[in-house]
Amino acid sequence: MTMASRIVVLKEGEIQQEGTPKELYSHPANAFVARFLGMPSINMVEASVASREGSIVIRFDENEIVLPEEKAFRLRKTEFEGKKVFLGIRPEDVQVTSAETSEEAVMEAAVTGCEEAGGRTLIYANVDDNSWTIVAEGAEFQPNDMVKLALDTKKVHIFCAETGDIIC
């Protein structure tokens, strides 16, 4: 990806997506492409779509994420309410925060480990039963530390659980 101006991602001999590395990384066509590109890999969890007080929310385990209107519009338009989806978010789009509330979705996680990788710190944490990776700068945590994670909801990807195709 660092040397190419355009790339093609294949799965079992079929083109999944083609474009610039940045296009594919930021706007994957499906869950396969999202998982294939990026180191560390995208955080992905099975979730469901619901409506609450006029907003579209994504629920997984004990967490609920209110989607920004542009993503909510797409989910309403495609009639995904009540259906299973995959929520994906890149590790760099998740931040450790001390805020109780923010414009971003905030949830609790238990740190399972940390690692230095190329001048940045990777934090591994469990959000309920799901293992997540977070990219942090200069953070120091110990296993079993509880942290709050803030997700940039504008950068979440929602994929159809049946087909793996991107919804928004």
N, C-alpha and C. Protein backbone atom coordinates (compact mmCIF):
# COMPACT_ATOMS: atom_id res chain seq x y z
N MET A 1 0.81 -1.21 0.00
CA MET A 1 0.00 0.00 0.00
C MET A 1 0.84 1.26 0.00
N THR A 2 2.05 1.21 0.56
CA THR A 2 2.86 2.42 0.65
C THR A 2 3.49 2.80 -0.68
N MET A 3 3.63 1.84 -1.58
CA MET A 3 4.29 2.12 -2.85
C MET A 3 3.33 2.25 -4.02
N ALA A 4 2.13 1.78 -3.88
CA ALA A 4 1.20 1.76 -5.01
C ALA A 4 0.36 3.03 -5.08
N SER A 5 0.03 3.42 -6.31
CA SER A 5 -0.90 4.54 -6.48
C SER A 5 -2.32 4.01 -6.65
N ARG A 6 -2.44 2.74 -7.06
CA ARG A 6 -3.75 2.08 -7.14
C ARG A 6 -3.53 0.62 -6.75
N ILE A 7 -4.55 0.04 -6.09
CA ILE A 7 -4.48 -1.37 -5.72
C ILE A 7 -5.80 -2.05 -6.03
N VAL A 8 -5.74 -3.37 -6.13
CA VAL A 8 -6.93 -4.19 -6.33
C VAL A 8 -6.90 -5.26 -5.25
N VAL A 9 -8.02 -5.43 -4.55
CA VAL A 9 -8.14 -6.48 -3.54
C VAL A 9 -8.97 -7.60 -4.14
N LEU A 10 -8.39 -8.82 -4.16
CA LEU A 10 -9.05 -10.00 -4.70
C LEU A 10 -9.41 -10.95 -3.56
N LYS A 11 -10.51 -11.66 -3.73
CA LYS A 11 -10.89 -12.73 -2.83
C LYS A 11 -11.34 -13.89 -3.70
N GLU A 12 -10.64 -15.00 -3.58
CA GLU A 12 -10.95 -16.19 -4.37
C GLU A 12 -11.09 -15.86 -5.85
N GLY A 13 -10.18 -15.03 -6.35
CA GLY A 13 -10.13 -14.69 -7.77
C GLY A 13 -11.12 -13.63 -8.21
N GLU A 14 -11.93 -13.09 -7.30
CA GLU A 14 -12.89 -12.05 -7.67
C GLU A 14 -12.48 -10.71 -7.08
N ILE A 15 -12.61 -9.68 -7.90
CA ILE A 15 -12.27 -8.33 -7.45
C ILE A 15 -13.29 -7.89 -6.41
N GLN A 16 -12.77 -7.48 -5.26
CA GLN A 16 -13.63 -6.95 -4.21
C GLN A 16 -13.72 -5.43 -4.28
N GLN A 17 -12.57 -4.80 -4.60
CA GLN A 17 -12.53 -3.35 -4.70
C GLN A 17 -11.21 -2.93 -5.33
N GLU A 18 -11.23 -1.81 -6.05
CA GLU A 18 -10.01 -1.24 -6.59
C GLU A 18 -10.05 0.27 -6.41
N GLY A 19 -8.87 0.85 -6.26
CA GLY A 19 -8.77 2.30 -6.07
C GLY A 19 -7.45 2.63 -5.43
N THR A 20 -7.33 3.85 -4.93
CA THR A 20 -6.10 4.23 -4.25
C THR A 20 -6.07 3.54 -2.88
N PRO A 21 -4.88 3.35 -2.32
CA PRO A 21 -4.82 2.75 -0.99
C PRO A 21 -5.65 3.52 0.04
N LYS A 22 -5.60 4.85 -0.01
CA LYS A 22 -6.37 5.66 0.94
C LYS A 22 -7.87 5.45 0.75
N GLU A 23 -8.34 5.39 -0.49
CA GLU A 23 -9.77 5.16 -0.75
C GLU A 23 -10.22 3.83 -0.15
N LEU A 24 -9.48 2.78 -0.39
CA LEU A 24 -9.86 1.46 0.10
C LEU A 24 -9.80 1.39 1.62
N TYR A 25 -8.79 2.01 2.21
CA TYR A 25 -8.64 2.00 3.66
C TYR A 25 -9.76 2.80 4.33
N SER A 26 -10.06 3.98 3.80
CA SER A 26 -11.07 4.86 4.41
C SER A 26 -12.50 4.50 4.04
N HIS A 27 -12.69 3.90 2.87
CA HIS A 27 -14.04 3.60 2.39
C HIS A 27 -14.09 2.19 1.80
N PRO A 28 -13.93 1.17 2.65
CA PRO A 28 -13.94 -0.20 2.13
C PRO A 28 -15.32 -0.58 1.58
N ALA A 29 -15.31 -1.36 0.51
CA ALA A 29 -16.56 -1.79 -0.12
C ALA A 29 -17.27 -2.87 0.68
N ASN A 30 -16.51 -3.61 1.48
CA ASN A 30 -17.11 -4.69 2.25
C ASN A 30 -16.23 -5.04 3.45
N ALA A 31 -16.74 -5.92 4.29
CA ALA A 31 -16.02 -6.29 5.51
C ALA A 31 -14.70 -6.99 5.20
N PHE A 32 -14.64 -7.74 4.11
CA PHE A 32 -13.40 -8.41 3.74
C PHE A 32 -12.30 -7.40 3.48
N VAL A 33 -12.59 -6.39 2.68
CA VAL A 33 -11.59 -5.35 2.37
C VAL A 33 -11.20 -4.62 3.64
N ALA A 34 -12.17 -4.29 4.48
CA ALA A 34 -11.88 -3.58 5.74
C ALA A 34 -10.94 -4.38 6.63
N ARG A 35 -11.17 -5.69 6.72
CA ARG A 35 -10.31 -6.55 7.55
C ARG A 35 -8.94 -6.77 6.91
N PHE A 36 -8.91 -6.84 5.59
CA PHE A 36 -7.68 -7.14 4.85
C PHE A 36 -6.65 -6.02 4.95
N LEU A 37 -7.15 -4.77 4.90
CA LEU A 37 -6.25 -3.62 4.91
C LEU A 37 -6.09 -3.05 6.31
N GLY A 38 -4.88 -2.72 6.65
CA GLY A 38 -4.63 -2.04 7.91
C GLY A 38 -3.88 -2.90 8.91
N MET A 39 -2.93 -2.26 9.57
CA MET A 39 -2.17 -2.93 10.61
C MET A 39 -1.99 -1.94 11.73
N PRO A 40 -2.65 -2.10 12.84
CA PRO A 40 -3.44 -3.26 13.22
C PRO A 40 -4.79 -3.28 12.49
N SER A 41 -5.42 -4.43 12.52
CA SER A 41 -6.67 -4.65 11.82
C SER A 41 -7.82 -3.84 12.42
N ILE A 42 -8.84 -3.63 11.61
CA ILE A 42 -10.05 -2.92 12.04
C ILE A 42 -10.71 -3.67 13.20
N ASN A 43 -11.28 -2.93 14.14
CA ASN A 43 -12.09 -3.52 15.20
C ASN A 43 -13.47 -3.79 14.60
N MET A 44 -13.97 -5.01 14.74
CA MET A 44 -15.25 -5.35 14.15
C MET A 44 -16.08 -6.18 15.12
N VAL A 45 -17.34 -5.78 15.30
CA VAL A 45 -18.25 -6.50 16.20
C VAL A 45 -19.60 -6.68 15.54
N GLU A 46 -20.27 -7.79 15.89
CA GLU A 46 -21.64 -7.99 15.43
C GLU A 46 -22.55 -7.11 16.27
N ALA A 47 -23.50 -6.46 15.62
CA ALA A 47 -24.37 -5.51 16.30
C ALA A 47 -25.76 -5.57 15.68
N SER A 48 -26.66 -4.76 16.22
CA SER A 48 -27.99 -4.64 15.64
C SER A 48 -28.35 -3.17 15.52
N VAL A 49 -29.25 -2.87 14.60
CA VAL A 49 -29.69 -1.51 14.34
C VAL A 49 -31.03 -1.30 15.03
N ALA A 50 -31.17 -0.18 15.73
CA ALA A 50 -32.43 0.14 16.42
C ALA A 50 -32.70 1.64 16.29
N SER A 51 -33.91 2.00 16.64
CA SER A 51 -34.32 3.40 16.64
C SER A 51 -34.60 3.81 18.09
N ARG A 52 -34.10 4.99 18.47
CA ARG A 52 -34.36 5.51 19.82
C ARG A 52 -34.53 7.01 19.74
N GLU A 53 -35.70 7.49 20.14
CA GLU A 53 -35.99 8.92 20.19
C GLU A 53 -35.63 9.63 18.90
N GLY A 54 -35.97 9.03 17.78
CA GLY A 54 -35.73 9.63 16.47
C GLY A 54 -34.33 9.43 15.93
N SER A 55 -33.45 8.83 16.71
CA SER A 55 -32.08 8.57 16.26
C SER A 55 -31.92 7.10 15.91
N ILE A 56 -30.98 6.81 15.05
CA ILE A 56 -30.61 5.43 14.75
C ILE A 56 -29.41 5.08 15.61
N VAL A 57 -29.51 3.96 16.31
CA VAL A 57 -28.43 3.52 17.18
C VAL A 57 -27.97 2.13 16.78
N ILE A 58 -26.71 1.87 17.06
CA ILE A 58 -26.13 0.55 16.85
C ILE A 58 -25.89 -0.04 18.23
N ARG A 59 -26.39 -1.24 18.48
CA ARG A 59 -26.24 -1.88 19.78
C ARG A 59 -25.41 -3.14 19.66
N PHE A 60 -24.46 -3.29 20.57
CA PHE A 60 -23.73 -4.54 20.71
C PHE A 60 -23.41 -4.72 22.18
N ASP A 61 -23.60 -5.93 22.65
CA ASP A 61 -23.43 -6.24 24.07
C ASP A 61 -24.20 -5.21 24.89
N GLU A 62 -23.53 -4.54 25.81
CA GLU A 62 -24.18 -3.54 26.66
C GLU A 62 -24.00 -2.12 26.14
N ASN A 63 -23.52 -1.97 24.92
CA ASN A 63 -23.19 -0.66 24.37
C ASN A 63 -24.18 -0.21 23.32
N GLU A 64 -24.34 1.11 23.24
CA GLU A 64 -25.23 1.70 22.26
C GLU A 64 -24.55 2.93 21.68
N ILE A 65 -24.46 2.98 20.37
CA ILE A 65 -23.80 4.08 19.69
C ILE A 65 -24.83 4.82 18.84
N VAL A 66 -24.99 6.11 19.10
CA VAL A 66 -25.88 6.94 18.30
C VAL A 66 -25.12 7.36 17.05
N LEU A 67 -25.70 7.06 15.91
CA LEU A 67 -25.01 7.39 14.65
C LEU A 67 -25.29 8.82 14.22
N PRO A 68 -24.30 9.46 13.57
CA PRO A 68 -24.54 10.79 13.02
C PRO A 68 -25.60 10.69 11.92
N GLU A 69 -26.26 11.79 11.67
CA GLU A 69 -27.41 11.79 10.78
C GLU A 69 -27.10 11.26 9.38
N GLU A 70 -25.93 11.56 8.82
CA GLU A 70 -25.63 11.07 7.46
C GLU A 70 -25.58 9.54 7.40
N LYS A 71 -25.10 8.91 8.46
CA LYS A 71 -25.08 7.44 8.51
C LYS A 71 -26.47 6.91 8.84
N ALA A 72 -27.17 7.59 9.74
CA ALA A 72 -28.52 7.18 10.11
C ALA A 72 -29.46 7.22 8.90
N PHE A 73 -29.32 8.25 8.07
CA PHE A 73 -30.13 8.39 6.87
C PHE A 73 -29.98 7.17 5.97
N ARG A 74 -28.75 6.75 5.78
CA ARG A 74 -28.48 5.60 4.90
C ARG A 74 -29.10 4.32 5.46
N LEU A 75 -29.03 4.13 6.78
CA LEU A 75 -29.62 2.93 7.40
C LEU A 75 -31.15 2.97 7.31
N ARG A 76 -31.74 4.15 7.50
CA ARG A 76 -33.20 4.27 7.36
C ARG A 76 -33.61 3.94 5.92
N LYS A 77 -32.87 4.51 4.97
CA LYS A 77 -33.18 4.34 3.55
C LYS A 77 -33.12 2.88 3.12
N THR A 78 -32.19 2.12 3.69
CA THR A 78 -32.03 0.73 3.30
C THR A 78 -32.82 -0.23 4.19
N GLU A 79 -33.60 0.32 5.10
CA GLU A 79 -34.49 -0.47 5.96
C GLU A 79 -33.76 -1.56 6.75
N PHE A 80 -32.67 -1.18 7.41
CA PHE A 80 -31.90 -2.12 8.20
C PHE A 80 -32.32 -2.15 9.67
N GLU A 81 -33.28 -1.33 10.04
CA GLU A 81 -33.69 -1.31 11.45
C GLU A 81 -34.12 -2.70 11.91
N GLY A 82 -33.59 -3.13 13.05
CA GLY A 82 -33.91 -4.43 13.61
C GLY A 82 -33.06 -5.56 13.07
N LYS A 83 -32.19 -5.26 12.14
CA LYS A 83 -31.37 -6.31 11.52
C LYS A 83 -29.96 -6.33 12.10
N LYS A 84 -29.29 -7.46 11.89
CA LYS A 84 -27.91 -7.63 12.33
C LYS A 84 -26.96 -6.98 11.32
N VAL A 85 -25.91 -6.36 11.86
CA VAL A 85 -24.88 -5.72 11.06
C VAL A 85 -23.53 -5.98 11.73
N PHE A 86 -22.47 -5.60 11.05
CA PHE A 86 -21.15 -5.54 11.66
C PHE A 86 -20.77 -4.08 11.77
N LEU A 87 -20.31 -3.68 12.94
CA LEU A 87 -19.79 -2.34 13.15
C LEU A 87 -18.27 -2.45 13.11
N GLY A 88 -17.65 -1.62 12.28
CA GLY A 88 -16.19 -1.61 12.19
C GLY A 88 -15.66 -0.23 12.46
N ILE A 89 -14.55 -0.16 13.19
CA ILE A 89 -13.89 1.12 13.42
C ILE A 89 -12.39 0.88 13.51
N ARG A 90 -11.64 1.72 12.84
CA ARG A 90 -10.19 1.59 12.82
C ARG A 90 -9.61 1.93 14.20
N PRO A 91 -8.53 1.24 14.60
CA PRO A 91 -7.93 1.49 15.91
C PRO A 91 -7.56 2.95 16.17
N GLU A 92 -7.16 3.67 15.13
CA GLU A 92 -6.79 5.08 15.32
C GLU A 92 -8.00 6.00 15.48
N ASP A 93 -9.20 5.48 15.24
CA ASP A 93 -10.43 6.26 15.41
C ASP A 93 -11.11 6.00 16.75
N VAL A 94 -10.37 5.33 17.64
CA VAL A 94 -10.83 5.08 19.01
C VAL A 94 -9.80 5.74 19.93
N GLN A 95 -10.27 6.54 20.86
CA GLN A 95 -9.37 7.24 21.77
C GLN A 95 -9.67 6.87 23.21
N VAL A 96 -8.62 6.78 24.02
CA VAL A 96 -8.81 6.64 25.45
C VAL A 96 -9.16 8.02 25.96
N THR A 97 -10.23 8.13 26.77
CA THR A 97 -10.71 9.42 27.23
C THR A 97 -11.00 9.39 28.72
N SER A 98 -11.02 10.55 29.32
CA SER A 98 -11.43 10.65 30.72
C SER A 98 -12.81 11.28 30.80
N ALA A 99 -13.35 11.68 29.66
CA ALA A 99 -14.65 12.35 29.63
C ALA A 99 -15.77 11.38 29.95
N GLU A 100 -16.72 11.85 30.73
CA GLU A 100 -17.91 11.05 31.02
C GLU A 100 -18.87 11.11 29.84
N THR A 101 -18.93 12.25 29.22
CA THR A 101 -19.79 12.41 28.05
C THR A 101 -19.02 13.17 26.99
N SER A 102 -19.36 12.92 25.77
CA SER A 102 -18.75 13.65 24.66
C SER A 102 -19.65 13.50 23.46
N GLU A 103 -19.26 14.16 22.37
CA GLU A 103 -20.03 14.01 21.14
C GLU A 103 -19.80 12.64 20.54
N GLU A 104 -18.75 11.98 20.97
CA GLU A 104 -18.44 10.65 20.47
C GLU A 104 -19.08 9.61 21.39
N ALA A 105 -19.19 8.39 20.91
CA ALA A 105 -19.71 7.30 21.72
C ALA A 105 -18.65 6.92 22.75
N VAL A 106 -19.01 6.79 24.01
CA VAL A 106 -18.08 6.44 25.07
C VAL A 106 -18.50 5.11 25.67
N MET A 107 -17.53 4.21 25.86
CA MET A 107 -17.81 2.92 26.48
C MET A 107 -16.61 2.49 27.32
N GLU A 108 -16.84 1.54 28.22
CA GLU A 108 -15.77 1.07 29.09
C GLU A 108 -15.12 -0.18 28.51
N ALA A 109 -13.81 -0.31 28.82
CA ALA A 109 -13.05 -1.47 28.35
C ALA A 109 -12.03 -1.85 29.41
N ALA A 110 -11.68 -3.13 29.42
CA ALA A 110 -10.64 -3.63 30.33
C ALA A 110 -9.38 -3.88 29.52
N VAL A 111 -8.29 -3.24 29.90
CA VAL A 111 -7.02 -3.40 29.20
C VAL A 111 -6.51 -4.82 29.41
N THR A 112 -6.08 -5.45 28.31
CA THR A 112 -5.48 -6.78 28.40
C THR A 112 -3.99 -6.74 28.12
N GLY A 113 -3.51 -5.65 27.51
CA GLY A 113 -2.08 -5.52 27.25
C GLY A 113 -1.76 -4.28 26.45
N CYS A 114 -0.48 -3.95 26.38
CA CYS A 114 0.02 -2.81 25.61
C CYS A 114 1.28 -3.25 24.88
N GLU A 115 1.57 -2.57 23.78
CA GLU A 115 2.76 -2.92 23.00
C GLU A 115 3.22 -1.68 22.23
N GLU A 116 4.52 -1.48 22.18
CA GLU A 116 5.10 -0.41 21.38
C GLU A 116 5.26 -0.93 19.96
N ALA A 117 4.81 -0.15 18.99
CA ALA A 117 4.91 -0.58 17.59
C ALA A 117 5.16 0.64 16.71
N GLY A 118 6.36 0.74 16.24
CA GLY A 118 6.68 1.82 15.30
C GLY A 118 6.46 3.21 15.83
N GLY A 119 6.81 3.46 17.09
CA GLY A 119 6.67 4.79 17.66
C GLY A 119 5.29 5.11 18.19
N ARG A 120 4.43 4.14 18.21
CA ARG A 120 3.10 4.36 18.78
C ARG A 120 2.78 3.21 19.72
N THR A 121 1.84 3.44 20.60
CA THR A 121 1.45 2.43 21.56
C THR A 121 0.14 1.79 21.12
N LEU A 122 0.14 0.46 21.08
CA LEU A 122 -1.10 -0.27 20.81
C LEU A 122 -1.64 -0.76 22.14
N ILE A 123 -2.89 -0.43 22.40
CA ILE A 123 -3.57 -0.89 23.61
C ILE A 123 -4.56 -1.96 23.18
N TYR A 124 -4.49 -3.11 23.85
CA TYR A 124 -5.45 -4.18 23.60
C TYR A 124 -6.42 -4.18 24.77
N ALA A 125 -7.71 -4.21 24.47
CA ALA A 125 -8.71 -4.13 25.52
C ALA A 125 -9.94 -4.93 25.14
N ASN A 126 -10.66 -5.37 26.15
CA ASN A 126 -11.93 -6.07 25.94
C ASN A 126 -13.08 -5.12 26.20
N VAL A 127 -13.92 -4.98 25.20
CA VAL A 127 -15.18 -4.26 25.34
C VAL A 127 -16.23 -5.36 25.42
N ASP A 128 -16.71 -5.60 26.63
CA ASP A 128 -17.56 -6.76 26.90
C ASP A 128 -16.82 -8.01 26.43
N ASP A 129 -17.37 -8.75 25.47
CA ASP A 129 -16.73 -9.98 25.02
C ASP A 129 -15.91 -9.81 23.74
N ASN A 130 -15.70 -8.57 23.33
CA ASN A 130 -15.00 -8.29 22.07
C ASN A 130 -13.63 -7.70 22.32
N SER A 131 -12.62 -8.22 21.62
CA SER A 131 -11.25 -7.73 21.75
C SER A 131 -11.04 -6.57 20.78
N TRP A 132 -10.53 -5.44 21.29
CA TRP A 132 -10.31 -4.24 20.50
C TRP A 132 -8.85 -3.84 20.57
N THR A 133 -8.40 -3.15 19.53
CA THR A 133 -7.08 -2.54 19.52
C THR A 133 -7.26 -1.04 19.38
N ILE A 134 -6.50 -0.29 20.16
CA ILE A 134 -6.57 1.17 20.14
C ILE A 134 -5.15 1.69 19.92
N VAL A 135 -5.00 2.66 19.04
CA VAL A 135 -3.70 3.30 18.83
C VAL A 135 -3.66 4.53 19.72
N ALA A 136 -2.64 4.60 20.58
CA ALA A 136 -2.51 5.72 21.50
C ALA A 136 -1.09 6.24 21.46
N GLU A 137 -0.93 7.49 21.76
CA GLU A 137 0.40 8.10 21.80
C GLU A 137 0.85 8.23 23.25
N GLY A 138 1.93 7.57 23.60
CA GLY A 138 2.52 7.71 24.91
C GLY A 138 1.69 7.22 26.08
N ALA A 139 0.69 6.43 25.84
CA ALA A 139 -0.16 5.95 26.94
C ALA A 139 0.51 4.77 27.64
N GLU A 140 0.31 4.71 28.93
CA GLU A 140 0.84 3.58 29.70
C GLU A 140 -0.28 2.99 30.54
N PHE A 141 -0.61 1.76 30.25
CA PHE A 141 -1.66 1.07 30.99
C PHE A 141 -1.17 -0.31 31.36
N GLN A 142 -1.78 -0.87 32.36
CA GLN A 142 -1.46 -2.21 32.83
C GLN A 142 -2.65 -3.12 32.57
N PRO A 143 -2.42 -4.42 32.42
CA PRO A 143 -3.54 -5.34 32.30
C PRO A 143 -4.51 -5.17 33.46
N ASN A 144 -5.78 -5.26 33.14
CA ASN A 144 -6.91 -5.11 34.06
C ASN A 144 -7.26 -3.66 34.39
N ASP A 145 -6.50 -2.67 33.89
CA ASP A 145 -6.92 -1.28 34.04
C ASP A 145 -8.23 -1.09 33.30
N MET A 146 -9.14 -0.33 33.88
CA MET A 146 -10.39 0.01 33.20
C MET A 146 -10.21 1.37 32.55
N VAL A 147 -10.59 1.48 31.29
CA VAL A 147 -10.47 2.73 30.55
C VAL A 147 -11.79 3.04 29.86
N LYS A 148 -11.97 4.30 29.55
CA LYS A 148 -13.11 4.73 28.75
C LYS A 148 -12.61 4.97 27.33
N LEU A 149 -13.35 4.45 26.37
CA LEU A 149 -13.00 4.61 24.97
C LEU A 149 -14.03 5.49 24.29
N ALA A 150 -13.55 6.43 23.50
CA ALA A 150 -14.42 7.30 22.71
C ALA A 150 -14.26 6.94 21.25
N LEU A 151 -15.38 6.63 20.60
CA LEU A 151 -15.37 6.27 19.18
C LEU A 151 -15.77 7.49 18.35
N ASP A 152 -15.05 7.73 17.28
CA ASP A 152 -15.42 8.78 16.34
C ASP A 152 -16.53 8.22 15.46
N THR A 153 -17.77 8.54 15.80
CA THR A 153 -18.93 7.93 15.13
C THR A 153 -19.02 8.30 13.65
N LYS A 154 -18.36 9.38 13.24
CA LYS A 154 -18.35 9.73 11.82
C LYS A 154 -17.49 8.77 11.02
N LYS A 155 -16.60 8.04 11.71
CA LYS A 155 -15.68 7.14 11.02
C LYS A 155 -16.03 5.67 11.19
N VAL A 156 -17.16 5.35 11.82
CA VAL A 156 -17.54 3.94 11.93
C VAL A 156 -18.03 3.46 10.57
N HIS A 157 -17.85 2.18 10.31
CA HIS A 157 -18.33 1.55 9.09
C HIS A 157 -19.39 0.54 9.52
N ILE A 158 -20.50 0.51 8.80
CA ILE A 158 -21.56 -0.45 9.08
C ILE A 158 -21.70 -1.35 7.86
N PHE A 159 -21.57 -2.68 8.12
CA PHE A 159 -21.63 -3.67 7.05
C PHE A 159 -22.83 -4.59 7.27
N CYS A 160 -23.44 -5.05 6.18
CA CYS A 160 -24.53 -6.03 6.24
C CYS A 160 -23.96 -7.34 6.79
N ALA A 161 -24.61 -7.90 7.80
CA ALA A 161 -24.13 -9.15 8.40
C ALA A 161 -24.28 -10.33 7.44
N GLU A 162 -25.25 -10.27 6.55
CA GLU A 162 -25.49 -11.38 5.62
C GLU A 162 -24.50 -11.39 4.46
N THR A 163 -24.27 -10.23 3.86
CA THR A 163 -23.44 -10.16 2.65
C THR A 163 -22.03 -9.63 2.91
N GLY A 164 -21.85 -8.89 4.00
CA GLY A 164 -20.58 -8.26 4.27
C GLY A 164 -20.40 -6.93 3.55
N ASP A 165 -21.36 -6.56 2.70
CA ASP A 165 -21.27 -5.30 1.93
C ASP A 165 -21.43 -4.09 2.85
N ILE A 166 -20.79 -3.00 2.45
CA ILE A 166 -20.89 -1.77 3.22
C ILE A 166 -22.30 -1.20 3.08
N ILE A 167 -22.83 -0.69 4.21
CA ILE A 167 -24.11 0.01 4.19
C ILE A 167 -23.82 1.50 4.29
N CYS A 168 -22.97 1.86 5.24
CA CYS A 168 -22.58 3.26 5.40
C CYS A 168 -21.29 3.35 6.21
